[in-house]
Each structure stands twice: as C-alpha cells, then as structure tokens.
Protein backbone atom coordinates (compact mmCIF):
# COMPACT_ATOMS: atom_id res chain seq x y z
CA MET A 1 -0.05 0.34 0.16
CA LYS A 2 1.55 3.58 -1.37
CA ARG A 3 1.58 6.20 1.71
CA GLU A 4 0.65 10.04 0.56
CA ALA A 5 2.59 12.41 2.45
CA LEU A 6 0.26 14.08 4.59
CA PRO A 7 0.79 18.24 4.53
CA ALA A 8 2.97 20.07 6.68
CA ALA A 9 1.36 21.96 9.34
CA THR A 10 1.82 23.21 12.89
CA HIS A 11 0.88 20.81 15.73
CA VAL A 12 -1.14 21.37 18.32
CA ALA A 13 -1.86 19.10 20.76
CA SER A 14 -5.65 18.85 20.99
CA GLY A 15 -8.72 17.20 19.41
CA THR A 16 -12.12 16.29 19.74
CA HIS A 17 -12.77 12.48 21.33
CA VAL A 18 -16.61 10.88 20.67
CA LEU A 19 -17.74 7.96 22.27
CA ALA A 20 -20.91 6.49 20.91
CA ASP A 21 -23.08 3.87 22.53
CA LEU A 22 -25.53 2.60 19.72
CA SER A 23 -27.90 0.23 20.47
CA GLY A 24 -30.89 -1.06 18.17
CA ILE A 25 -28.92 -2.02 15.06
CA ALA A 26 -29.71 -4.75 12.97
CA ALA A 27 -27.68 -7.94 13.79
CA ASP A 28 -26.49 -8.44 10.29
CA LYS A 29 -24.86 -5.23 10.11
CA LEU A 30 -22.85 -5.79 13.49
CA SER A 31 -21.92 -8.89 12.16
CA ASP A 32 -20.50 -7.85 8.72
CA CYS A 33 -16.78 -7.49 9.26
CA ALA A 34 -16.13 -6.45 5.85
CA GLY A 35 -19.07 -4.13 5.83
CA LEU A 36 -17.81 -2.27 8.91
CA GLU A 37 -14.42 -1.94 7.91
CA THR A 38 -15.64 -0.14 4.79
CA LEU A 39 -18.07 1.95 6.35
CA LEU A 40 -15.27 2.96 8.93
CA ARG A 41 -12.91 3.89 5.95
CA GLN A 42 -15.70 5.76 4.56
CA ALA A 43 -16.33 7.27 7.53
CA ALA A 44 -13.15 8.53 8.05
CA GLU A 45 -12.34 10.14 5.00
CA ALA A 46 -15.92 12.28 5.53
CA ALA A 47 -14.44 13.60 8.68
CA GLY A 48 -11.08 14.99 6.48
CA ALA A 49 -8.76 12.27 8.05
CA HIS A 50 -5.62 10.08 6.64
CA ILE A 51 -6.15 6.66 6.96
CA LEU A 52 -2.66 4.80 7.97
CA PHE A 53 -4.20 1.53 8.17
CA SER A 54 -7.41 -0.53 9.64
CA HIS A 55 -7.64 -4.22 11.15
CA PHE A 56 -10.35 -5.62 11.78
CA HIS A 57 -11.88 -9.42 13.10
CA ALA A 58 -14.85 -11.83 13.30
CA PHE A 59 -15.38 -13.57 15.48
CA GLY A 60 -17.27 -16.08 14.04
CA ASP A 61 -20.40 -16.28 11.36
CA GLY A 62 -23.13 -14.00 12.80
CA GLN A 63 -21.01 -12.72 15.91
CA GLY A 64 -19.43 -9.79 16.70
CA VAL A 65 -16.89 -8.02 14.95
CA THR A 66 -13.87 -5.80 16.61
CA GLY A 67 -11.73 -3.02 14.31
CA VAL A 68 -10.00 0.26 13.72
CA VAL A 69 -8.94 2.62 11.71
CA LEU A 70 -5.76 4.20 12.41
CA LEU A 71 -5.58 7.45 11.28
CA ALA A 72 -2.63 9.86 11.31
CA GLU A 73 -5.23 11.95 13.20
CA SER A 74 -5.46 9.22 15.48
CA HIS A 75 -8.20 6.51 15.66
CA ILE A 76 -11.92 5.23 14.92
CA THR A 77 -12.81 1.75 16.66
CA ILE A 78 -15.59 -0.12 16.99
CA HIS A 79 -16.92 -3.44 19.01
CA THR A 80 -20.03 -4.99 17.64
CA TRP A 81 -22.51 -7.50 20.13
CA PRO A 82 -24.97 -8.35 16.84
CA GLU A 83 -26.64 -10.60 19.94
CA CYS A 84 -28.16 -7.21 21.41
CA GLY A 85 -28.04 -5.22 18.78
CA PHE A 86 -25.24 -2.77 20.65
CA ALA A 87 -22.23 -0.90 19.10
CA ALA A 88 -19.51 0.89 20.88
CA ALA A 89 -17.55 3.32 18.68
CA ASP A 90 -14.67 5.30 19.97
CA LEU A 91 -13.67 8.44 17.34
CA PHE A 92 -10.65 10.52 18.35
CA MET A 93 -9.34 13.07 15.70
CA CYS A 94 -6.95 15.71 15.90
CA GLY A 95 -6.42 18.91 13.89
CA SER A 96 -8.73 19.86 10.95
CA ALA A 97 -10.26 16.19 10.93
CA GLN A 98 -14.16 16.32 12.14
CA PRO A 99 -15.14 13.11 14.10
CA GLU A 100 -18.67 14.28 14.33
CA LEU A 101 -19.15 13.96 10.33
CA ALA A 102 -17.51 10.56 10.64
CA LEU A 103 -20.16 9.41 13.82
CA ALA A 104 -23.13 10.90 11.31
CA ILE A 105 -21.94 8.44 8.47
CA ILE A 106 -21.43 5.38 10.86
CA THR A 107 -25.16 6.11 12.16
CA ALA A 108 -26.63 6.90 9.26
CA ALA A 109 -25.23 3.43 8.29
CA LEU A 110 -25.79 1.32 11.12
CA GLN A 111 -29.50 3.29 11.74
CA PRO A 112 -29.34 2.95 15.87
CA CYS A 113 -32.87 3.34 17.32
CA THR A 114 -32.04 7.23 18.45
CA SER A 115 -33.93 6.76 21.95
CA HIS A 116 -31.49 4.36 22.55
CA HIS A 117 -28.01 5.81 21.72
CA ARG A 118 -25.82 7.93 23.81
CA ILE A 119 -23.06 10.41 22.52
CA HIS A 120 -20.31 11.38 24.68
CA LEU A 121 -18.51 14.46 22.98
CA LEU A 122 -15.04 15.81 24.82
CA ALA A 123 -12.76 18.52 23.84
CA ARG A 124 -8.95 16.91 24.84
CA SER A 125 -6.13 19.08 24.52
CA ALA A 126 -2.58 19.65 26.49
CA ALA A 127 -2.33 21.37 29.76
CA PRO A 128 -1.05 24.98 28.89
CA THR A 129 2.95 25.39 29.31
CA GLN A 130 4.45 27.96 31.47
CA ALA A 131 8.06 29.63 30.81
CA ALA A 132 10.22 29.13 33.79
CA ASP A 133 11.57 32.12 35.56
CA SER A 134 14.84 33.46 34.72
CA ASP A 135 15.31 35.41 37.95
C-alpha cells in the first residue's frame, strides 16, 4: 500500500473525542466484518482524516466484530454485539478532522434506535505550558 505524504502543518496537541453507544441495530449489520471496515474507512474519509491502516476481526459467523482504523489524526474503533443489537464506537481526531462527520456516516448506515443511543463528546488538549522564571 502506497502512503501519501501529509500536508505540512503546525502541531497542536488537541482534538475531539467522541464515544458512541449505539443500540437497536440490526444484527446482520453488526456481524458484517468487511462491511464495517468499509463503513469506518468511508467515515474517516468523510471526516477529512488520513487513513494509515485498518484491521478488523470477526469472532465467528453471526458474532461480533472488533476493528480499528488508525489515522494520522488518531483513530476510529468499533466493537459490536449483534446478539444485543449494540455497537460501541470510539472516534478521536485532532487537527482539522471532524469526528462528528464520521459519526454521522456511521449512524446513518447502522441506523440505531434514536431513543437508545448515547453520544459523549469531549474536547481534549494538552495542559498549557508556562515558561520557567529566569530570575
């Protein structure tokens, strides 16, 4: 796989972290390993992120899937429980990437029950640094 060079930018230690608990999803969507990988890669691209690598694992026919899309901006992960109609997704992105756009792609495809999902949004950043006194 050929890697593209990333555009030069000033590094800022901050980002947006989204945790999504999605319930009421059809079991066939949650056990489709290849489909989930395609979905999360499309979500990353829609968010403006740069994909470095992805790896997904199915636990067996009709069982759950765990997967990660590693991004230059951080990651998107998912773990599914088809028997419960549940998926836990973790999206963290820094820079100009927008994890909220990725989540919109994921929820549109998985179609969770809107009354049974929780989204947690957290702004993350490094603590401000202070110059040492020179006195």
